[in-house]
């Protein structure tokens, strides 16, 4: 009896026909990128080093040039000019703060009425630089005192004028005390300009 063997060549599973990836090509790309980055870092380091050397040489050249320029001048002359400049600066500082009373006297002479006289003049400068004056005065009448008060009040250099202790002496003259502040600009020597006498009409003569 013949036995029959049935054979089949149809595969049970579908064969995987997808191409296999080449691992060697992936490694090559990564290596290439790493190499490019490394070369870039090395180039930057070399550039920084060369730039640093350039700066060092440039500073050295400028220092040598400065030393040559300094040697071209006479050190003694430079020292003498420096001392002279210090003396000039000190003189300017003294001049800027120096006060002269003559400008104040000229002002008082020009604006004091003929019927009024002052004596016992006192002049003081406080720690803030404000100048005050104190005087005793004599007038022919109370009207003269009132007019003199108006004249002082109208002057920009006489500040806060005060007449006090008005009395009559044994000759019938009005005696008083006077205090006021003076604008510091008036007594600064650098601003000193002689003041021409002013003609003030005195109707109380």
N, C-alpha and C. Protein backbone atom coordinates (compact mmCIF):
# COMPACT_ATOMS: atom_id res chain seq x y z
N UNK A 1 0.87 -1.17 0.00
CA UNK A 1 0.00 0.00 0.00
C UNK A 1 0.89 1.20 0.00
N UNK A 2 0.60 2.05 -0.92
CA UNK A 2 1.43 3.25 -1.06
C UNK A 2 0.95 4.31 -0.10
N UNK A 3 1.90 4.87 0.59
CA UNK A 3 1.57 6.00 1.49
C UNK A 3 1.83 7.31 0.78
N UNK A 4 0.93 8.22 0.91
CA UNK A 4 1.05 9.54 0.25
C UNK A 4 1.49 10.58 1.26
N UNK A 5 2.55 11.28 0.90
CA UNK A 5 3.07 12.35 1.77
C UNK A 5 2.71 13.67 1.14
N UNK A 6 1.97 14.43 1.90
CA UNK A 6 1.55 15.76 1.40
C UNK A 6 2.56 16.79 1.86
N UNK A 7 3.10 17.50 0.91
CA UNK A 7 4.08 18.56 1.23
C UNK A 7 3.55 19.91 0.76
N UNK A 8 3.92 20.92 1.53
CA UNK A 8 3.49 22.28 1.17
C UNK A 8 4.67 23.21 1.34
N UNK A 9 4.87 24.06 0.35
CA UNK A 9 5.98 25.03 0.39
C UNK A 9 5.50 26.44 0.64
N UNK A 10 4.30 26.58 1.10
CA UNK A 10 3.77 27.91 1.43
C UNK A 10 4.22 28.25 2.85
N UNK A 11 4.97 29.30 3.02
CA UNK A 11 5.47 29.65 4.38
C UNK A 11 4.32 30.07 5.27
N UNK A 12 4.48 29.71 6.56
CA UNK A 12 3.45 30.03 7.53
C UNK A 12 3.49 31.51 7.95
N UNK A 13 4.69 32.11 7.94
CA UNK A 13 4.85 33.51 8.34
C UNK A 13 5.43 34.32 7.21
N UNK A 14 5.08 35.61 7.20
CA UNK A 14 5.60 36.50 6.17
C UNK A 14 7.05 36.83 6.48
N UNK A 15 7.90 36.68 5.52
CA UNK A 15 9.32 36.94 5.72
C UNK A 15 9.56 38.45 5.84
N UNK A 16 10.45 38.83 6.77
CA UNK A 16 10.80 40.27 6.99
C UNK A 16 11.77 40.67 5.92
N UNK A 17 11.28 41.46 4.99
CA UNK A 17 12.13 41.88 3.87
C UNK A 17 12.71 43.28 4.05
N UNK A 18 12.48 43.97 5.26
CA UNK A 18 12.99 45.36 5.48
C UNK A 18 14.49 45.32 5.57
N UNK A 19 15.16 46.29 4.96
CA UNK A 19 16.63 46.31 4.96
C UNK A 19 17.15 46.62 6.35
N UNK A 20 18.25 46.05 6.75
CA UNK A 20 18.87 46.28 8.05
C UNK A 20 19.66 47.58 8.03
N UNK A 21 19.55 48.29 9.15
CA UNK A 21 20.28 49.57 9.25
C UNK A 21 21.75 49.30 9.43
N UNK A 22 22.49 50.22 8.82
CA UNK A 22 23.95 50.11 8.89
C UNK A 22 24.43 50.89 10.11
N UNK A 23 24.82 50.21 11.19
CA UNK A 23 25.27 50.88 12.43
C UNK A 23 26.54 51.65 12.20
N UNK A 24 27.29 51.18 11.26
CA UNK A 24 28.56 51.88 11.00
C UNK A 24 28.35 53.29 10.48
N UNK A 25 27.36 53.56 9.69
CA UNK A 25 27.10 54.90 9.16
C UNK A 25 26.63 55.85 10.25
N UNK A 26 25.85 55.39 11.25
CA UNK A 26 25.38 56.25 12.36
C UNK A 26 26.56 56.69 13.22
N UNK A 27 27.44 55.75 13.48
CA UNK A 27 28.63 56.09 14.27
C UNK A 27 29.48 57.12 13.54
N UNK A 28 29.56 57.01 12.23
CA UNK A 28 30.34 57.96 11.44
C UNK A 28 29.79 59.38 11.52
N UNK A 29 28.48 59.56 11.50
CA UNK A 29 27.86 60.89 11.59
C UNK A 29 28.13 61.52 12.94
N UNK A 30 27.98 60.73 14.02
CA UNK A 30 28.24 61.25 15.37
C UNK A 30 29.69 61.66 15.51
N UNK A 31 30.58 60.86 14.98
CA UNK A 31 32.02 61.19 15.06
C UNK A 31 32.33 62.48 14.30
N UNK A 32 31.67 62.63 13.15
CA UNK A 32 31.91 63.83 12.33
C UNK A 32 31.45 65.09 13.07
N UNK A 33 30.26 65.01 13.71
CA UNK A 33 29.75 66.17 14.46
C UNK A 33 30.67 66.48 15.63
N UNK A 34 31.10 65.43 16.35
CA UNK A 34 32.01 65.64 17.49
C UNK A 34 33.32 66.26 17.04
N UNK A 35 33.81 65.81 15.91
CA UNK A 35 35.07 66.34 15.39
C UNK A 35 34.94 67.81 15.03
N UNK A 36 33.81 68.18 14.43
CA UNK A 36 33.59 69.59 14.05
C UNK A 36 33.54 70.47 15.30
N UNK A 37 32.83 69.99 16.34
CA UNK A 37 32.74 70.76 17.59
C UNK A 37 34.12 70.91 18.23
N UNK A 38 34.88 69.85 18.23
CA UNK A 38 36.22 69.89 18.83
C UNK A 38 37.11 70.88 18.09
N UNK A 39 37.05 70.82 16.76
CA UNK A 39 37.87 71.75 15.97
C UNK A 39 37.46 73.19 16.24
N UNK A 40 36.14 73.44 16.39
CA UNK A 40 35.67 74.79 16.69
C UNK A 40 36.19 75.29 18.03
N UNK A 41 36.17 74.41 19.06
CA UNK A 41 36.66 74.79 20.38
C UNK A 41 38.15 75.10 20.34
N UNK A 42 38.88 74.29 19.63
CA UNK A 42 40.33 74.53 19.51
C UNK A 42 40.59 75.84 18.79
N UNK A 43 39.82 76.13 17.75
CA UNK A 43 40.00 77.39 17.01
C UNK A 43 39.72 78.58 17.90
N UNK A 44 38.65 78.51 18.73
CA UNK A 44 38.33 79.60 19.64
C UNK A 44 39.42 79.80 20.68
N UNK A 45 39.95 78.69 21.22
CA UNK A 45 41.01 78.78 22.21
C UNK A 45 42.27 79.43 21.62
N UNK A 46 42.60 79.02 20.40
CA UNK A 46 43.77 79.61 19.74
C UNK A 46 43.56 81.09 19.48
N UNK A 47 42.35 81.47 19.04
CA UNK A 47 42.05 82.88 18.78
C UNK A 47 42.15 83.71 20.06
N UNK A 48 41.61 83.17 21.16
CA UNK A 48 41.68 83.89 22.44
C UNK A 48 43.12 84.06 22.89
N UNK A 49 43.92 83.03 22.73
CA UNK A 49 45.34 83.12 23.12
C UNK A 49 46.07 84.15 22.28
N UNK A 50 45.84 84.14 20.97
CA UNK A 50 46.52 85.10 20.10
C UNK A 50 46.08 86.53 20.42
N UNK A 51 44.78 86.73 20.72
CA UNK A 51 44.29 88.07 21.06
C UNK A 51 44.89 88.56 22.38
N UNK A 52 45.04 87.62 23.32
CA UNK A 52 45.66 87.99 24.60
C UNK A 52 47.11 88.41 24.39
N UNK A 53 47.81 87.69 23.56
CA UNK A 53 49.20 88.07 23.28
C UNK A 53 49.27 89.42 22.59
N UNK A 54 48.30 89.69 21.71
CA UNK A 54 48.27 91.00 21.03
C UNK A 54 48.06 92.12 22.04
N UNK A 55 47.14 91.92 22.99
CA UNK A 55 46.89 92.94 24.00
C UNK A 55 48.12 93.18 24.87
N UNK A 56 48.79 92.10 25.26
CA UNK A 56 49.99 92.25 26.08
C UNK A 56 51.06 93.04 25.35
N UNK A 57 51.26 92.74 24.09
CA UNK A 57 52.28 93.46 23.30
C UNK A 57 51.87 94.92 23.09
N UNK A 58 50.56 95.16 22.87
CA UNK A 58 50.09 96.53 22.67
C UNK A 58 50.29 97.36 23.94
N UNK A 59 49.96 96.78 25.10
CA UNK A 59 50.17 97.49 26.36
C UNK A 59 51.64 97.78 26.57
N UNK A 60 52.49 96.81 26.24
CA UNK A 60 53.93 97.00 26.39
C UNK A 60 54.44 98.13 25.50
N UNK A 61 53.93 98.21 24.27
CA UNK A 61 54.36 99.28 23.35
C UNK A 61 53.90 100.65 23.87
N UNK A 62 52.66 100.71 24.34
CA UNK A 62 52.16 101.99 24.85
C UNK A 62 52.90 102.42 26.11
N UNK A 63 53.24 101.47 26.96
CA UNK A 63 54.00 101.79 28.16
C UNK A 63 55.37 102.34 27.81
N UNK A 64 56.02 101.72 26.82
CA UNK A 64 57.33 102.21 26.38
C UNK A 64 57.22 103.61 25.79
N UNK A 65 56.13 103.85 25.03
CA UNK A 65 55.93 105.18 24.43
C UNK A 65 55.71 106.23 25.52
N UNK A 66 54.94 105.86 26.56
CA UNK A 66 54.70 106.78 27.66
C UNK A 66 55.99 107.10 28.41
N UNK A 67 56.81 106.10 28.63
CA UNK A 67 58.09 106.33 29.31
C UNK A 67 58.99 107.25 28.50
N UNK A 68 59.01 107.07 27.19
CA UNK A 68 59.83 107.95 26.34
C UNK A 68 59.31 109.38 26.38
N UNK A 69 57.95 109.54 26.34
CA UNK A 69 57.37 110.88 26.40
C UNK A 69 57.66 111.55 27.74
N UNK A 70 57.60 110.76 28.81
CA UNK A 70 57.88 111.33 30.14
C UNK A 70 59.35 111.73 30.25
N UNK A 71 60.23 110.95 29.67
CA UNK A 71 61.65 111.26 29.73
C UNK A 71 61.99 112.51 28.92
N UNK A 72 61.11 112.86 27.96
CA UNK A 72 61.38 114.03 27.13
C UNK A 72 61.18 115.34 27.90
N UNK A 73 60.45 115.30 29.04
CA UNK A 73 60.24 116.50 29.84
C UNK A 73 61.19 116.52 31.03
N UNK A 74 61.49 117.74 31.45
CA UNK A 74 62.37 117.91 32.59
C UNK A 74 61.59 117.66 33.87
N UNK A 75 61.94 116.63 34.67
CA UNK A 75 61.20 116.34 35.92
C UNK A 75 61.17 117.52 36.87
N UNK A 76 62.27 118.27 36.94
CA UNK A 76 62.32 119.44 37.84
C UNK A 76 61.32 120.50 37.41
N UNK A 77 61.21 120.70 36.07
CA UNK A 77 60.26 121.68 35.55
C UNK A 77 58.83 121.25 35.86
N UNK A 78 58.55 119.96 35.68
CA UNK A 78 57.21 119.46 35.96
C UNK A 78 56.86 119.66 37.44
N UNK A 79 57.81 119.39 38.32
CA UNK A 79 57.57 119.56 39.76
C UNK A 79 57.34 121.02 40.11
N UNK A 80 58.12 121.91 39.49
CA UNK A 80 57.96 123.34 39.75
C UNK A 80 56.61 123.85 39.25
N UNK A 81 56.20 123.40 38.06
CA UNK A 81 54.91 123.80 37.53
C UNK A 81 53.77 123.27 38.39
N UNK A 82 53.93 122.06 38.93
CA UNK A 82 52.91 121.50 39.81
C UNK A 82 52.76 122.33 41.08
N UNK A 83 53.89 122.76 41.67
CA UNK A 83 53.83 123.61 42.86
C UNK A 83 53.19 124.96 42.55
N UNK A 84 53.54 125.51 41.38
CA UNK A 84 52.95 126.78 40.98
C UNK A 84 51.44 126.65 40.80
N UNK A 85 51.00 125.55 40.23
CA UNK A 85 49.56 125.34 40.04
C UNK A 85 48.85 125.23 41.39
N UNK A 86 49.48 124.57 42.37
CA UNK A 86 48.88 124.46 43.70
C UNK A 86 48.76 125.83 44.35
N UNK A 87 49.79 126.68 44.18
CA UNK A 87 49.74 128.02 44.77
C UNK A 87 48.65 128.87 44.11
N UNK A 88 48.49 128.71 42.80
CA UNK A 88 47.45 129.47 42.10
C UNK A 88 46.07 129.04 42.57
N UNK A 89 45.87 127.73 42.73
CA UNK A 89 44.58 127.24 43.20
C UNK A 89 44.29 127.74 44.61
N UNK A 90 45.32 127.74 45.48
CA UNK A 90 45.12 128.24 46.85
C UNK A 90 44.79 129.72 46.85
N UNK A 91 45.46 130.48 45.97
CA UNK A 91 45.19 131.92 45.88
C UNK A 91 43.78 132.19 45.39
N UNK A 92 43.34 131.41 44.41
CA UNK A 92 41.97 131.59 43.91
C UNK A 92 40.94 131.28 44.99
N UNK A 93 41.21 130.24 45.79
CA UNK A 93 40.28 129.89 46.88
C UNK A 93 40.22 131.01 47.92
N UNK A 94 41.38 131.58 48.27
CA UNK A 94 41.40 132.68 49.23
C UNK A 94 40.68 133.90 48.67
N UNK A 95 40.94 134.19 47.39
CA UNK A 95 40.30 135.36 46.77
C UNK A 95 38.80 135.20 46.69
N UNK A 96 38.34 133.99 46.39
CA UNK A 96 36.89 133.76 46.27
C UNK A 96 36.17 133.98 47.59
N UNK A 97 36.85 133.74 48.72
CA UNK A 97 36.20 133.85 50.02
C UNK A 97 36.63 135.09 50.80
N UNK A 98 37.52 135.89 50.24
CA UNK A 98 38.00 137.07 50.95
C UNK A 98 36.92 138.16 50.95
N UNK A 99 36.76 138.78 52.12
CA UNK A 99 35.75 139.83 52.26
C UNK A 99 36.43 141.18 52.43
N UNK A 100 35.78 142.20 51.93
CA UNK A 100 36.27 143.57 52.08
C UNK A 100 35.15 144.45 52.63
N UNK A 101 35.45 145.14 53.72
CA UNK A 101 34.45 145.99 54.37
C UNK A 101 34.30 147.32 53.65
N UNK A 102 35.30 147.67 52.85
CA UNK A 102 35.26 148.98 52.19
C UNK A 102 34.04 149.13 51.29
N UNK A 103 33.60 148.02 50.65
CA UNK A 103 32.42 148.10 49.79
C UNK A 103 31.17 148.39 50.62
N UNK A 104 31.13 147.86 51.85
CA UNK A 104 30.00 148.13 52.73
C UNK A 104 30.01 149.59 53.18
N UNK A 105 31.18 150.11 53.52
CA UNK A 105 31.29 151.52 53.91
C UNK A 105 30.85 152.43 52.77
N UNK A 106 31.27 152.07 51.54
CA UNK A 106 30.88 152.89 50.38
C UNK A 106 29.35 152.89 50.22
N UNK A 107 28.74 151.73 50.43
CA UNK A 107 27.29 151.64 50.30
C UNK A 107 26.59 152.49 51.36
N UNK A 108 27.03 152.35 52.62
CA UNK A 108 26.41 153.11 53.70
C UNK A 108 26.56 154.62 53.47
N UNK A 109 27.73 155.00 52.95
CA UNK A 109 27.95 156.42 52.68
C UNK A 109 27.01 156.93 51.60
N UNK A 110 26.75 156.09 50.62
CA UNK A 110 25.94 156.54 49.48
C UNK A 110 24.44 156.58 49.78
N UNK A 111 23.95 155.81 50.77
CA UNK A 111 22.51 155.73 51.00
C UNK A 111 22.10 156.27 52.38
N UNK A 112 23.05 156.81 53.14
CA UNK A 112 22.70 157.39 54.44
C UNK A 112 22.29 158.85 54.26
N UNK A 113 21.19 159.22 54.83
CA UNK A 113 20.70 160.60 54.71
C UNK A 113 21.65 161.56 55.41
N UNK A 114 21.64 162.79 54.95
CA UNK A 114 22.51 163.81 55.54
C UNK A 114 22.10 164.17 56.96
N UNK A 115 20.86 163.92 57.31
CA UNK A 115 20.36 164.25 58.65
C UNK A 115 20.60 163.12 59.65
N UNK A 116 21.30 162.07 59.22
CA UNK A 116 21.54 160.91 60.09
C UNK A 116 23.03 160.62 60.12
N UNK A 117 23.52 160.23 61.27
CA UNK A 117 24.91 159.82 61.42
C UNK A 117 24.97 158.53 62.21
N UNK A 118 25.99 157.74 61.93
CA UNK A 118 26.17 156.46 62.62
C UNK A 118 27.54 156.43 63.29
N UNK A 119 27.64 155.68 64.40
CA UNK A 119 28.93 155.43 65.03
C UNK A 119 28.87 154.08 65.74
N UNK A 120 29.98 153.72 66.40
CA UNK A 120 30.09 152.43 67.10
C UNK A 120 29.74 151.27 66.15
N UNK A 121 30.40 151.27 65.01
CA UNK A 121 30.14 150.25 63.99
C UNK A 121 30.70 148.90 64.43
N UNK A 122 29.88 147.84 64.30
CA UNK A 122 30.30 146.46 64.61
C UNK A 122 29.94 145.56 63.45
N UNK A 123 30.90 144.71 63.07
CA UNK A 123 30.75 143.86 61.88
C UNK A 123 31.07 142.42 62.29
N UNK A 124 30.18 141.47 61.93
CA UNK A 124 30.40 140.08 62.34
C UNK A 124 29.92 139.13 61.24
N UNK A 125 30.68 138.04 61.05
CA UNK A 125 30.30 136.98 60.11
C UNK A 125 30.10 135.70 60.90
N UNK A 126 28.93 135.07 60.77
CA UNK A 126 28.67 133.84 61.53
C UNK A 126 29.20 132.63 60.78
N UNK A 127 28.99 131.44 61.34
CA UNK A 127 29.54 130.21 60.76
C UNK A 127 28.94 129.87 59.41
N UNK A 128 27.78 130.41 59.09
CA UNK A 128 27.16 130.15 57.79
C UNK A 128 27.61 131.15 56.73
N UNK A 129 28.43 132.13 57.12
CA UNK A 129 28.89 133.14 56.18
C UNK A 129 28.01 134.35 56.09
N UNK A 130 26.96 134.42 56.92
CA UNK A 130 26.06 135.57 56.89
C UNK A 130 26.67 136.73 57.68
N UNK A 131 26.61 137.91 57.09
CA UNK A 131 27.23 139.10 57.67
C UNK A 131 26.17 139.96 58.36
N UNK A 132 26.47 140.38 59.58
CA UNK A 132 25.56 141.27 60.31
C UNK A 132 26.32 142.51 60.76
N UNK A 133 25.62 143.62 60.86
CA UNK A 133 26.21 144.87 61.33
C UNK A 133 25.34 145.45 62.45
N UNK A 134 26.02 146.11 63.38
CA UNK A 134 25.34 146.78 64.50
C UNK A 134 25.93 148.18 64.61
N UNK A 135 25.06 149.21 64.71
CA UNK A 135 25.52 150.59 64.83
C UNK A 135 24.61 151.37 65.77
N UNK A 136 25.17 152.42 66.33
CA UNK A 136 24.37 153.42 67.03
C UNK A 136 24.17 154.59 66.08
N UNK A 137 23.00 155.22 66.13
CA UNK A 137 22.72 156.31 65.21
C UNK A 137 22.12 157.52 65.89
N UNK A 138 22.19 158.62 65.16
CA UNK A 138 21.60 159.87 65.63
C UNK A 138 20.94 160.55 64.45
N UNK A 139 19.73 161.06 64.67
CA UNK A 139 18.97 161.72 63.61
C UNK A 139 18.41 163.03 64.12
N UNK A 140 18.11 163.92 63.18
CA UNK A 140 17.57 165.23 63.56
C UNK A 140 16.10 165.16 63.95
N UNK A 141 15.41 164.08 63.49
CA UNK A 141 13.98 163.94 63.80
C UNK A 141 13.55 162.50 63.60
N UNK A 142 12.36 162.18 64.12
CA UNK A 142 11.80 160.85 63.91
C UNK A 142 11.47 160.61 62.45
N UNK A 143 11.12 161.68 61.74
CA UNK A 143 10.83 161.55 60.31
C UNK A 143 12.05 161.10 59.53
N UNK A 144 13.23 161.60 59.92
CA UNK A 144 14.46 161.18 59.25
C UNK A 144 14.72 159.70 59.48
N UNK A 145 14.45 159.23 60.68
CA UNK A 145 14.63 157.80 60.97
C UNK A 145 13.69 156.96 60.11
N UNK A 146 12.44 157.40 59.97
CA UNK A 146 11.48 156.65 59.16
C UNK A 146 11.90 156.62 57.69
N UNK A 147 12.39 157.76 57.19
CA UNK A 147 12.83 157.81 55.79
C UNK A 147 14.06 156.94 55.59
N UNK A 148 15.00 156.97 56.56
CA UNK A 148 16.19 156.14 56.44
C UNK A 148 15.83 154.65 56.45
N UNK A 149 14.84 154.30 57.25
CA UNK A 149 14.38 152.91 57.28
C UNK A 149 13.86 152.48 55.91
N UNK A 150 13.12 153.37 55.24
CA UNK A 150 12.61 153.06 53.90
C UNK A 150 13.75 152.88 52.90
N UNK A 151 14.76 153.75 53.00
CA UNK A 151 15.89 153.67 52.07
C UNK A 151 16.64 152.35 52.24
N UNK A 152 16.89 151.96 53.48
CA UNK A 152 17.58 150.69 53.72
C UNK A 152 16.74 149.51 53.25
N UNK A 153 15.45 149.57 53.47
CA UNK A 153 14.57 148.45 53.08
C UNK A 153 14.51 148.28 51.57
N UNK A 154 14.68 149.37 50.83
CA UNK A 154 14.64 149.31 49.37
C UNK A 154 15.95 148.86 48.76
N UNK A 155 17.02 148.78 49.55
CA UNK A 155 18.32 148.39 49.02
C UNK A 155 18.48 146.87 49.07
N UNK A 156 18.94 146.28 47.98
CA UNK A 156 19.03 144.82 47.89
C UNK A 156 20.16 144.24 48.73
N UNK A 157 21.11 145.07 49.15
CA UNK A 157 22.23 144.57 49.94
C UNK A 157 22.00 144.65 51.44
N UNK A 158 21.06 145.47 51.87
CA UNK A 158 20.73 145.60 53.29
C UNK A 158 19.50 144.75 53.57
N UNK A 159 19.66 143.75 54.42
CA UNK A 159 18.57 142.80 54.68
C UNK A 159 18.12 142.90 56.14
N UNK A 160 16.82 142.90 56.32
CA UNK A 160 16.18 142.92 57.64
C UNK A 160 16.69 144.07 58.53
N UNK A 161 16.64 145.32 58.05
CA UNK A 161 17.08 146.45 58.88
C UNK A 161 16.09 146.71 60.02
N UNK A 162 16.64 146.94 61.20
CA UNK A 162 15.80 147.17 62.38
C UNK A 162 16.33 148.39 63.15
N UNK A 163 15.47 149.38 63.35
CA UNK A 163 15.78 150.53 64.19
C UNK A 163 15.08 150.32 65.54
N UNK A 164 15.81 150.45 66.62
CA UNK A 164 15.22 150.20 67.94
C UNK A 164 15.75 151.21 68.96
N UNK A 165 15.10 151.22 70.16
CA UNK A 165 15.51 152.08 71.28
C UNK A 165 15.58 153.56 70.88
N UNK A 166 14.56 154.02 70.17
CA UNK A 166 14.53 155.42 69.77
C UNK A 166 14.25 156.32 71.00
N UNK A 167 15.12 157.32 71.21
CA UNK A 167 14.97 158.25 72.34
C UNK A 167 15.50 159.62 71.92
N UNK A 168 15.20 160.59 72.74
CA UNK A 168 15.73 161.94 72.53
C UNK A 168 16.88 162.18 73.49
N UNK A 169 17.97 162.76 72.96
CA UNK A 169 19.07 163.11 73.85
C UNK A 169 18.83 164.51 74.43
N UNK A 170 19.79 165.03 75.20
CA UNK A 170 19.61 166.33 75.87
C UNK A 170 19.62 167.50 74.90
N UNK A 171 19.97 167.23 73.60
CA UNK A 171 19.96 168.28 72.60
C UNK A 171 18.75 168.18 71.67
N UNK A 172 17.87 167.28 71.93
CA UNK A 172 16.67 167.12 71.11
C UNK A 172 16.87 166.24 69.89
N UNK A 173 18.03 165.61 69.75
CA UNK A 173 18.26 164.69 68.62
C UNK A 173 17.71 163.30 68.95
N UNK A 174 17.31 162.59 67.92
CA UNK A 174 16.80 161.23 68.09
C UNK A 174 17.98 160.26 68.04
N UNK A 175 18.16 159.49 69.10
CA UNK A 175 19.21 158.47 69.12
C UNK A 175 18.55 157.10 69.02
N UNK A 176 19.26 156.17 68.44
CA UNK A 176 18.67 154.84 68.22
C UNK A 176 19.78 153.81 68.03
N UNK A 177 19.37 152.56 68.06
CA UNK A 177 20.25 151.43 67.73
C UNK A 177 19.79 150.84 66.40
N UNK A 178 20.76 150.38 65.62
CA UNK A 178 20.44 149.83 64.30
C UNK A 178 21.16 148.50 64.12
N UNK A 179 20.43 147.49 63.64
CA UNK A 179 21.01 146.19 63.30
C UNK A 179 20.47 145.77 61.94
N UNK A 180 21.27 145.04 61.20
CA UNK A 180 20.83 144.55 59.88
C UNK A 180 21.79 143.46 59.42
N UNK A 181 21.34 142.70 58.45
CA UNK A 181 22.20 141.73 57.78
C UNK A 181 22.62 142.31 56.43
N UNK A 182 23.78 141.87 55.97
CA UNK A 182 24.32 142.37 54.70
C UNK A 182 24.44 141.20 53.73
N UNK A 183 23.99 141.41 52.51
CA UNK A 183 24.13 140.38 51.48
C UNK A 183 25.62 140.05 51.30
N UNK A 184 26.02 138.78 51.47
CA UNK A 184 27.44 138.42 51.38
C UNK A 184 28.08 138.80 50.05
N UNK A 185 27.29 138.87 48.98
CA UNK A 185 27.85 139.23 47.68
C UNK A 185 28.44 140.64 47.68
N UNK A 186 27.94 141.49 48.57
CA UNK A 186 28.44 142.87 48.62
C UNK A 186 29.86 142.92 49.14
N UNK A 187 30.18 142.09 50.12
CA UNK A 187 31.48 142.18 50.79
C UNK A 187 32.52 141.21 50.23
N UNK A 188 32.16 140.42 49.21
CA UNK A 188 33.16 139.57 48.57
C UNK A 188 34.10 140.43 47.73
N UNK A 189 35.40 140.25 47.94
CA UNK A 189 36.38 141.09 47.27
C UNK A 189 36.31 140.95 45.75
N UNK A 190 36.03 139.73 45.27
CA UNK A 190 36.00 139.50 43.82
C UNK A 190 34.84 140.24 43.16
N UNK A 191 33.82 140.62 43.96
CA UNK A 191 32.67 141.35 43.41
C UNK A 191 32.76 142.85 43.68
N UNK A 192 33.88 143.28 44.26
CA UNK A 192 33.96 144.67 44.70
C UNK A 192 33.97 145.63 43.52
N UNK A 193 33.00 146.53 43.51
CA UNK A 193 32.91 147.61 42.52
C UNK A 193 32.60 148.88 43.28
N UNK A 194 33.44 149.88 43.18
CA UNK A 194 33.15 151.12 43.91
C UNK A 194 31.76 151.65 43.60
N UNK A 195 31.03 152.03 44.64
CA UNK A 195 29.66 152.51 44.49
C UNK A 195 29.66 154.03 44.49
N UNK A 196 29.12 154.60 43.44
CA UNK A 196 29.05 156.05 43.34
C UNK A 196 28.04 156.58 44.33
N UNK A 197 28.32 157.68 44.99
CA UNK A 197 27.35 158.23 45.97
C UNK A 197 26.02 158.53 45.29
N UNK A 198 24.95 158.14 45.96
CA UNK A 198 23.60 158.35 45.43
C UNK A 198 23.00 159.58 46.10
N UNK A 199 22.23 160.29 45.35
CA UNK A 199 21.58 161.48 45.90
C UNK A 199 20.20 161.08 46.41
N UNK A 200 20.05 161.08 47.74
CA UNK A 200 18.77 160.73 48.36
C UNK A 200 18.14 162.01 48.89
N UNK A 201 16.94 162.28 48.46
CA UNK A 201 16.27 163.51 48.87
C UNK A 201 15.86 163.40 50.33
N UNK A 202 16.33 164.32 51.14
CA UNK A 202 16.03 164.32 52.57
C UNK A 202 15.18 165.56 52.87
N UNK A 203 13.90 165.33 53.11
CA UNK A 203 13.00 166.45 53.38
C UNK A 203 12.89 166.76 54.86
N UNK A 204 13.75 166.09 55.64
CA UNK A 204 13.65 166.29 57.09
C UNK A 204 14.87 167.02 57.63
N UNK A 205 15.60 167.74 56.77
CA UNK A 205 16.76 168.49 57.22
C UNK A 205 16.31 169.64 58.12
